N, C-alpha and C. Protein backbone atom coordinates (compact mmCIF):
# COMPACT_ATOMS: atom_id res chain seq x y z
N MET A 1 72.76 38.87 127.10
CA MET A 1 72.86 40.01 127.71
C MET A 1 73.12 39.99 129.21
N SER A 2 74.14 40.62 129.95
CA SER A 2 74.40 40.55 131.18
C SER A 2 73.70 41.33 131.85
N LYS A 3 72.62 40.66 132.78
CA LYS A 3 71.97 41.62 133.81
C LYS A 3 72.42 42.77 134.80
N ILE A 4 73.75 42.15 135.17
CA ILE A 4 74.24 42.75 135.86
C ILE A 4 75.32 43.91 135.63
N ASP A 5 75.77 43.78 134.60
CA ASP A 5 76.32 45.07 133.82
C ASP A 5 75.20 45.93 133.51
N LEU A 6 74.10 45.41 133.00
CA LEU A 6 73.25 46.54 132.57
C LEU A 6 72.53 46.99 133.69
N LEU A 7 72.42 46.32 134.51
CA LEU A 7 71.87 47.19 136.03
C LEU A 7 72.59 48.03 136.82
N THR A 8 74.08 47.44 136.43
CA THR A 8 74.84 48.43 137.11
C THR A 8 75.31 49.66 136.41
N GLY A 9 75.14 49.37 134.87
CA GLY A 9 75.16 50.61 134.18
C GLY A 9 73.92 51.79 134.20
N LEU A 10 72.79 51.38 134.46
CA LEU A 10 71.62 52.10 134.73
C LEU A 10 71.60 52.75 136.08
N GLY A 11 72.19 51.94 137.06
CA GLY A 11 72.53 52.23 138.54
C GLY A 11 73.70 53.57 138.39
N LEU A 12 74.58 53.53 137.73
CA LEU A 12 75.30 54.72 137.60
C LEU A 12 74.87 55.73 137.01
N MET A 13 74.19 55.56 135.90
CA MET A 13 73.40 56.87 135.35
C MET A 13 72.69 57.43 136.22
N ALA A 14 71.82 56.49 136.93
CA ALA A 14 70.76 57.40 137.97
C ALA A 14 71.57 58.17 138.95
N LEU A 15 72.59 57.41 139.44
CA LEU A 15 73.37 58.00 140.71
C LEU A 15 73.82 59.42 140.16
N SER A 16 74.52 59.24 138.72
CA SER A 16 75.31 60.66 138.25
C SER A 16 74.01 61.70 138.07
N VAL A 17 72.80 61.30 137.60
CA VAL A 17 71.83 62.15 137.47
C VAL A 17 71.82 62.82 138.81
N GLY A 18 71.50 62.40 139.82
CA GLY A 18 71.09 62.79 140.99
C GLY A 18 72.18 63.56 141.44
N VAL A 19 73.47 63.25 141.49
CA VAL A 19 74.73 64.20 141.87
C VAL A 19 74.68 65.50 141.20
N TYR A 20 74.28 65.31 139.43
CA TYR A 20 73.96 66.76 139.12
C TYR A 20 73.35 67.60 139.47
N VAL A 21 72.16 66.87 139.69
CA VAL A 21 70.86 67.76 140.37
C VAL A 21 71.28 68.18 141.38
N LEU A 22 71.69 67.51 142.30
CA LEU A 22 71.92 68.26 143.87
C LEU A 22 73.07 69.07 143.69
N THR A 23 74.04 69.36 142.82
CA THR A 23 74.91 69.96 142.83
C THR A 23 74.51 71.39 141.94
N GLN A 24 73.17 71.48 141.50
CA GLN A 24 72.87 72.57 140.73
C GLN A 24 72.91 73.84 142.07
N ASP A 25 72.46 73.45 143.20
CA ASP A 25 72.05 74.55 144.08
C ASP A 25 73.30 75.02 144.82
N MET A 26 74.13 74.39 144.49
CA MET A 26 75.66 74.84 145.05
C MET A 26 75.99 76.31 144.70
N THR A 27 76.55 76.94 145.83
CA THR A 27 77.15 78.31 145.33
C THR A 27 78.29 78.50 144.42
N LYS A 28 77.51 79.63 143.71
CA LYS A 28 78.38 80.01 142.22
C LYS A 28 79.16 80.93 142.75
N VAL A 29 80.62 80.64 142.16
CA VAL A 29 81.69 81.80 142.47
C VAL A 29 82.04 82.57 140.89
N PRO A 30 82.16 83.69 141.14
CA PRO A 30 82.27 84.48 139.94
C PRO A 30 83.72 84.46 139.14
N ALA A 31 84.58 83.62 139.71
CA ALA A 31 85.79 83.37 138.99
C ALA A 31 86.52 82.12 139.34
N GLY A 32 86.89 81.10 138.32
CA GLY A 32 87.43 80.01 138.99
C GLY A 32 86.29 78.58 139.32
N ILE A 33 86.76 77.58 139.71
CA ILE A 33 86.08 76.55 139.92
C ILE A 33 85.37 76.44 141.22
N GLY A 34 84.07 76.64 140.98
CA GLY A 34 82.96 76.43 142.26
C GLY A 34 83.15 75.23 143.28
N PRO A 35 82.23 75.18 143.82
CA PRO A 35 82.31 73.75 144.84
C PRO A 35 81.58 72.79 143.84
N GLY A 36 80.40 73.24 143.35
CA GLY A 36 79.72 72.32 142.60
C GLY A 36 80.25 71.80 140.92
N ASP A 37 81.35 72.53 140.78
CA ASP A 37 81.45 72.37 139.30
C ASP A 37 82.33 71.04 139.21
N TYR A 38 83.23 70.55 140.03
CA TYR A 38 83.98 69.28 140.02
C TYR A 38 82.86 68.01 140.06
N PRO A 39 82.17 68.31 141.00
CA PRO A 39 81.15 66.93 141.00
C PRO A 39 80.35 66.72 140.00
N ARG A 40 79.93 68.00 139.22
CA ARG A 40 79.35 68.03 137.85
C ARG A 40 80.02 67.24 136.94
N VAL A 41 81.29 67.94 136.83
CA VAL A 41 82.23 67.41 135.65
C VAL A 41 82.17 65.29 135.90
N ILE A 42 82.60 65.29 137.59
CA ILE A 42 82.51 63.54 137.55
C ILE A 42 81.40 63.07 136.97
N ALA A 43 80.10 63.84 137.60
CA ALA A 43 78.72 62.97 137.16
C ALA A 43 78.66 62.89 135.77
N VAL A 44 78.78 63.70 134.85
CA VAL A 44 78.82 63.38 133.51
C VAL A 44 79.56 62.51 132.91
N GLY A 45 80.98 62.34 133.56
CA GLY A 45 81.98 61.30 133.17
C GLY A 45 81.08 60.19 133.43
N LEU A 46 80.42 59.92 134.59
CA LEU A 46 80.04 58.49 135.44
C LEU A 46 78.93 58.43 134.42
N PHE A 47 77.87 59.51 134.23
CA PHE A 47 76.71 59.23 133.31
C PHE A 47 77.62 58.68 131.97
N VAL A 48 78.18 58.76 131.04
CA VAL A 48 78.80 58.55 129.97
C VAL A 48 79.47 57.17 130.02
N LEU A 49 79.88 56.64 131.27
CA LEU A 49 80.47 55.57 131.45
C LEU A 49 79.32 54.49 131.73
N GLY A 50 78.46 54.82 132.53
CA GLY A 50 77.51 54.06 133.06
C GLY A 50 76.49 53.76 131.56
N ALA A 51 76.35 54.56 130.78
CA ALA A 51 75.67 54.15 129.47
C ALA A 51 76.52 53.45 128.74
N LEU A 52 78.09 53.59 128.42
CA LEU A 52 78.58 52.56 127.88
C LEU A 52 78.50 51.38 128.18
N LEU A 53 78.65 51.15 129.53
CA LEU A 53 78.49 49.60 130.27
C LEU A 53 76.82 49.17 129.82
N ALA A 54 75.89 49.87 129.90
CA ALA A 54 74.79 49.33 129.69
C ALA A 54 74.53 48.87 128.25
N ILE A 55 75.23 49.80 127.50
CA ILE A 55 74.90 49.25 126.28
C ILE A 55 75.72 48.38 125.57
N GLN A 56 77.01 48.23 126.26
CA GLN A 56 77.69 47.17 126.07
C GLN A 56 77.17 45.95 126.49
N SER A 57 76.42 45.83 127.44
CA SER A 57 75.82 44.86 128.22
C SER A 57 74.75 44.17 127.18
N VAL A 58 74.07 45.13 126.42
CA VAL A 58 72.95 44.51 125.54
C VAL A 58 73.31 43.70 124.42
N GLY A 59 74.77 44.40 124.16
CA GLY A 59 75.33 43.77 122.76
C GLY A 59 75.89 42.29 122.84
N THR A 60 76.14 42.11 124.53
CA THR A 60 76.82 40.64 124.64
C THR A 60 75.69 39.59 124.68
N SER A 61 75.80 38.46 124.03
CA SER A 61 74.85 37.38 124.02
C SER A 61 74.92 36.60 125.16
N GLN A 62 76.36 36.29 125.40
CA GLN A 62 76.33 35.11 126.59
C GLN A 62 77.25 36.14 127.87
N ALA A 63 77.03 35.62 129.12
CA ALA A 63 77.95 35.74 129.94
C ALA A 63 79.41 35.24 129.66
N LYS A 64 80.37 35.54 129.71
CA LYS A 64 81.77 35.02 129.62
C LYS A 64 82.11 34.42 131.03
N PRO A 65 82.62 33.59 130.74
CA PRO A 65 83.26 33.01 132.00
C PRO A 65 84.49 33.36 132.63
N ARG A 66 84.25 33.81 133.95
CA ARG A 66 84.88 34.48 134.73
C ARG A 66 86.20 33.73 135.02
N SER A 67 87.57 34.64 134.93
CA SER A 67 88.51 33.77 135.16
C SER A 67 88.89 34.08 136.58
N PRO A 68 89.37 33.22 137.30
CA PRO A 68 89.81 33.27 138.85
C PRO A 68 90.90 34.36 138.97
N TYR A 69 90.67 35.02 140.53
CA TYR A 69 91.95 35.87 140.59
C TYR A 69 93.27 35.20 140.37
N PRO A 70 94.35 35.73 140.03
CA PRO A 70 95.59 35.74 139.79
C PRO A 70 96.03 35.17 141.30
N PRO A 71 96.72 34.12 141.30
CA PRO A 71 97.63 33.56 142.68
C PRO A 71 98.26 34.86 143.51
N GLY A 72 98.04 34.95 144.73
CA GLY A 72 98.54 35.89 145.41
C GLY A 72 97.72 37.20 145.43
N ALA A 73 96.95 37.36 144.74
CA ALA A 73 95.75 38.39 144.63
C ALA A 73 95.61 39.18 146.14
N ALA A 74 95.19 38.03 147.01
CA ALA A 74 94.58 38.53 148.07
C ALA A 74 95.48 38.87 149.04
N VAL A 75 96.92 38.46 148.91
CA VAL A 75 97.88 39.15 149.58
C VAL A 75 98.50 40.38 149.22
N ARG A 76 98.50 40.72 147.79
CA ARG A 76 99.05 41.95 147.25
C ARG A 76 97.76 43.06 147.66
N VAL A 77 96.92 42.83 147.57
CA VAL A 77 95.26 43.89 147.88
C VAL A 77 95.56 44.08 149.47
N THR A 78 95.97 43.39 150.28
CA THR A 78 96.08 43.39 151.57
C THR A 78 97.38 44.23 152.00
N ALA A 79 98.38 43.69 151.14
CA ALA A 79 99.72 44.88 151.13
C ALA A 79 99.41 46.04 150.64
N LEU A 80 98.83 46.14 149.75
CA LEU A 80 97.95 47.72 149.28
C LEU A 80 97.53 48.20 150.52
N VAL A 81 96.52 47.52 151.06
CA VAL A 81 95.73 48.35 152.25
C VAL A 81 96.72 48.69 153.12
N VAL A 82 97.55 48.21 153.65
CA VAL A 82 98.53 48.26 154.69
C VAL A 82 99.33 49.47 154.21
N THR A 83 99.89 49.39 152.92
CA THR A 83 100.61 50.40 152.63
C THR A 83 99.86 51.94 152.36
N VAL A 84 98.85 51.77 152.07
CA VAL A 84 97.89 53.10 152.11
C VAL A 84 98.08 53.82 153.50
N LEU A 85 97.42 53.22 154.56
CA LEU A 85 97.55 53.30 155.93
C LEU A 85 98.81 53.77 156.45
N VAL A 86 99.78 53.23 156.20
CA VAL A 86 101.16 53.68 156.24
C VAL A 86 101.56 55.06 155.80
N TYR A 87 100.84 55.52 154.61
CA TYR A 87 100.99 56.56 153.63
C TYR A 87 100.01 57.49 154.03
N ILE A 88 98.95 57.05 154.72
CA ILE A 88 98.17 57.97 155.39
C ILE A 88 98.81 58.42 156.83
N ARG A 89 99.31 57.68 157.67
CA ARG A 89 99.79 57.90 158.98
C ARG A 89 101.47 58.95 158.74
N LEU A 90 102.00 58.59 157.53
CA LEU A 90 103.43 59.38 157.48
C LEU A 90 102.86 60.76 156.62
N MET A 91 101.96 60.75 155.87
CA MET A 91 101.77 62.25 155.22
C MET A 91 101.88 63.18 156.19
N PRO A 92 101.34 63.49 157.32
CA PRO A 92 101.33 64.70 157.99
C PRO A 92 102.85 64.94 158.41
N HIS A 93 103.83 64.15 158.51
CA HIS A 93 105.12 64.08 159.08
C HIS A 93 106.15 64.32 157.84
N LEU A 94 105.89 63.39 156.82
CA LEU A 94 106.93 63.60 155.83
C LEU A 94 106.48 64.66 154.59
N GLY A 95 105.10 64.86 154.67
CA GLY A 95 104.64 65.79 153.65
C GLY A 95 104.24 65.07 152.33
N PHE A 96 103.46 65.74 151.35
CA PHE A 96 103.31 65.04 150.32
C PHE A 96 104.25 64.59 149.31
N LEU A 97 105.27 65.78 149.18
CA LEU A 97 105.98 65.75 148.45
C LEU A 97 107.11 64.56 148.55
N LEU A 98 107.32 64.53 149.84
CA LEU A 98 108.27 63.16 149.99
C LEU A 98 107.58 61.53 150.61
N SER A 99 106.22 61.93 150.93
CA SER A 99 105.55 60.24 151.12
C SER A 99 104.87 59.72 149.94
N THR A 100 104.43 60.71 148.90
CA THR A 100 104.04 60.03 147.63
C THR A 100 104.68 59.39 146.91
N PRO A 101 105.96 59.80 146.52
CA PRO A 101 106.69 59.14 145.85
C PRO A 101 106.88 57.54 145.96
N LEU A 102 107.05 57.60 147.69
CA LEU A 102 107.67 56.42 148.32
C LEU A 102 106.18 55.64 148.19
N PHE A 103 105.00 55.85 148.72
CA PHE A 103 103.89 55.45 148.48
C PHE A 103 103.71 54.75 147.03
N LEU A 104 103.98 55.80 145.69
CA LEU A 104 103.79 54.96 144.54
C LEU A 104 104.60 54.10 144.29
N ALA A 105 105.73 54.35 144.66
CA ALA A 105 106.79 53.34 144.35
C ALA A 105 106.61 52.04 145.09
N ALA A 106 106.02 51.99 146.24
CA ALA A 106 105.98 50.65 147.04
C ALA A 106 104.79 49.94 146.08
N ALA A 107 103.43 50.77 145.72
CA ALA A 107 102.41 50.44 144.97
C ALA A 107 103.11 49.41 143.88
N MET A 108 103.65 50.20 142.97
CA MET A 108 104.00 49.66 141.83
C MET A 108 105.27 48.35 141.99
N LEU A 109 105.72 48.44 143.10
CA LEU A 109 106.63 47.02 143.58
C LEU A 109 105.77 45.81 143.75
N LEU A 110 104.80 46.41 144.34
CA LEU A 110 103.61 45.23 144.77
C LEU A 110 103.15 44.58 143.78
N PHE A 111 102.67 45.60 142.74
CA PHE A 111 101.87 44.86 141.88
C PHE A 111 102.87 44.23 140.55
N GLY A 112 104.21 44.17 140.74
CA GLY A 112 105.04 43.53 140.01
C GLY A 112 105.73 44.18 138.83
N VAL A 113 105.78 45.89 139.00
CA VAL A 113 106.70 46.68 138.27
C VAL A 113 108.10 46.34 138.61
N ARG A 114 109.11 45.89 138.05
CA ARG A 114 110.42 45.77 138.43
C ARG A 114 111.49 46.79 137.85
N ARG A 115 111.15 47.48 136.86
CA ARG A 115 112.22 48.26 136.27
C ARG A 115 112.38 49.69 136.83
N THR A 116 113.32 49.84 137.72
CA THR A 116 113.82 51.17 138.46
C THR A 116 113.67 52.29 137.78
N VAL A 117 114.16 52.49 136.71
CA VAL A 117 113.74 53.67 135.94
C VAL A 117 112.30 54.18 135.71
N LEU A 118 111.72 53.20 135.44
CA LEU A 118 110.18 53.62 135.19
C LEU A 118 109.39 53.88 136.78
N ILE A 119 109.66 52.92 137.65
CA ILE A 119 109.22 53.28 139.01
C ILE A 119 109.45 54.91 139.37
N LEU A 120 111.00 55.01 139.52
CA LEU A 120 111.30 56.46 139.60
C LEU A 120 110.65 57.24 139.03
N ALA A 121 110.91 57.37 137.60
CA ALA A 121 110.01 58.48 137.03
C ALA A 121 108.52 58.53 137.36
N SER A 122 108.20 57.25 136.97
CA SER A 122 106.42 57.64 137.49
C SER A 122 106.09 58.10 138.74
N SER A 123 106.98 57.86 139.72
CA SER A 123 106.63 58.12 141.17
C SER A 123 106.80 59.77 141.45
N VAL A 124 107.86 59.95 140.69
CA VAL A 124 108.24 61.31 141.14
C VAL A 124 107.42 62.49 140.09
N GLY A 125 107.21 61.89 138.61
CA GLY A 125 106.67 62.76 137.69
C GLY A 125 104.84 62.77 138.27
N VAL A 126 104.35 61.74 138.83
CA VAL A 126 102.93 61.88 139.09
C VAL A 126 102.77 62.96 140.04
N THR A 127 103.67 62.57 141.09
CA THR A 127 103.89 63.11 142.31
C THR A 127 104.08 65.03 142.04
N LEU A 128 104.74 65.35 141.06
CA LEU A 128 104.75 66.60 141.00
C LEU A 128 103.78 67.19 140.02
N ALA A 129 103.05 66.14 139.29
CA ALA A 129 102.07 66.76 138.35
C ALA A 129 100.89 66.90 139.39
N VAL A 130 100.77 66.35 140.12
CA VAL A 130 99.42 66.24 141.14
C VAL A 130 99.73 67.33 141.95
N TYR A 131 101.05 67.72 142.56
CA TYR A 131 101.23 68.63 143.40
C TYR A 131 101.07 70.14 142.71
N GLY A 132 101.57 69.76 141.25
CA GLY A 132 101.37 71.09 140.75
C GLY A 132 99.88 71.64 140.23
N ILE A 133 98.96 70.56 140.15
CA ILE A 133 97.80 71.16 139.61
C ILE A 133 96.65 71.49 140.93
N PHE A 134 97.38 70.74 142.06
CA PHE A 134 96.59 71.19 143.33
C PHE A 134 96.83 72.58 143.59
N TYR A 135 98.31 72.98 144.00
CA TYR A 135 98.72 73.99 144.17
C TYR A 135 98.39 74.89 142.96
N SER A 136 98.63 74.77 141.92
CA SER A 136 98.81 76.06 140.92
C SER A 136 97.37 76.18 140.27
N LEU A 137 96.54 75.24 139.86
CA LEU A 137 95.18 75.03 139.59
C LEU A 137 93.88 75.40 140.53
N PHE A 138 93.92 74.59 141.75
CA PHE A 138 93.08 74.36 142.48
C PHE A 138 93.06 75.11 143.72
N GLN A 139 94.68 75.62 143.97
CA GLN A 139 95.21 76.30 145.12
C GLN A 139 94.73 76.05 146.43
N ILE A 140 95.09 74.57 146.29
CA ILE A 140 94.81 73.82 147.54
C ILE A 140 96.41 73.46 148.17
N LEU A 141 96.71 73.54 149.16
CA LEU A 141 97.97 73.51 150.00
C LEU A 141 97.68 72.02 150.39
N LEU A 142 99.00 71.22 149.84
CA LEU A 142 99.23 69.83 150.61
C LEU A 142 100.04 69.86 151.68
N PRO A 143 99.99 68.82 152.71
CA PRO A 143 100.91 68.77 153.45
C PRO A 143 102.27 68.67 153.53
N LYS A 144 103.27 69.77 154.18
CA LYS A 144 104.52 69.84 153.95
C LYS A 144 105.54 69.09 155.19
N PHE A 145 106.36 68.83 154.76
CA PHE A 145 107.50 68.27 155.63
C PHE A 145 107.31 68.96 157.15
N SER A 146 107.30 67.99 158.41
CA SER A 146 107.12 68.61 159.32
C SER A 146 107.62 67.71 160.58
N LEU A 147 108.91 66.81 160.02
CA LEU A 147 109.32 65.86 161.07
C LEU A 147 109.86 66.68 162.52
N PHE A 148 110.57 67.68 162.08
CA PHE A 148 111.39 68.19 163.33
C PHE A 148 110.54 69.11 164.05
């Protein structure tokens, strides 16, 4: 039994119960998604995943030996942090639709994806899907191009 996994699972379950309870008093809206609905959905998912982690930790008999990080992992993570910071700085100027595919492509290249078609299709597809969900479903305006 892995005590760390068990405690982490129980901690996640407790956190999710707290979030669920605290969002009960948030304003209810007559139509659509209210301010407390999304955190409650996340809390339920977090509870389920915490429970699975706790149950899985009880079923294991020995702690598995941890494999070391692959070579260059620290450099890739640092490069990703820098890429995220550049993405955040470019977002107000280039807008969501231009900066996000660039960010996703850079992140995929950092982590070893080399298939150009996959990088282009994934970057553009994910960007359009996220934009469509936020714009149509949530009615949240994302930053637009404003370089000039």
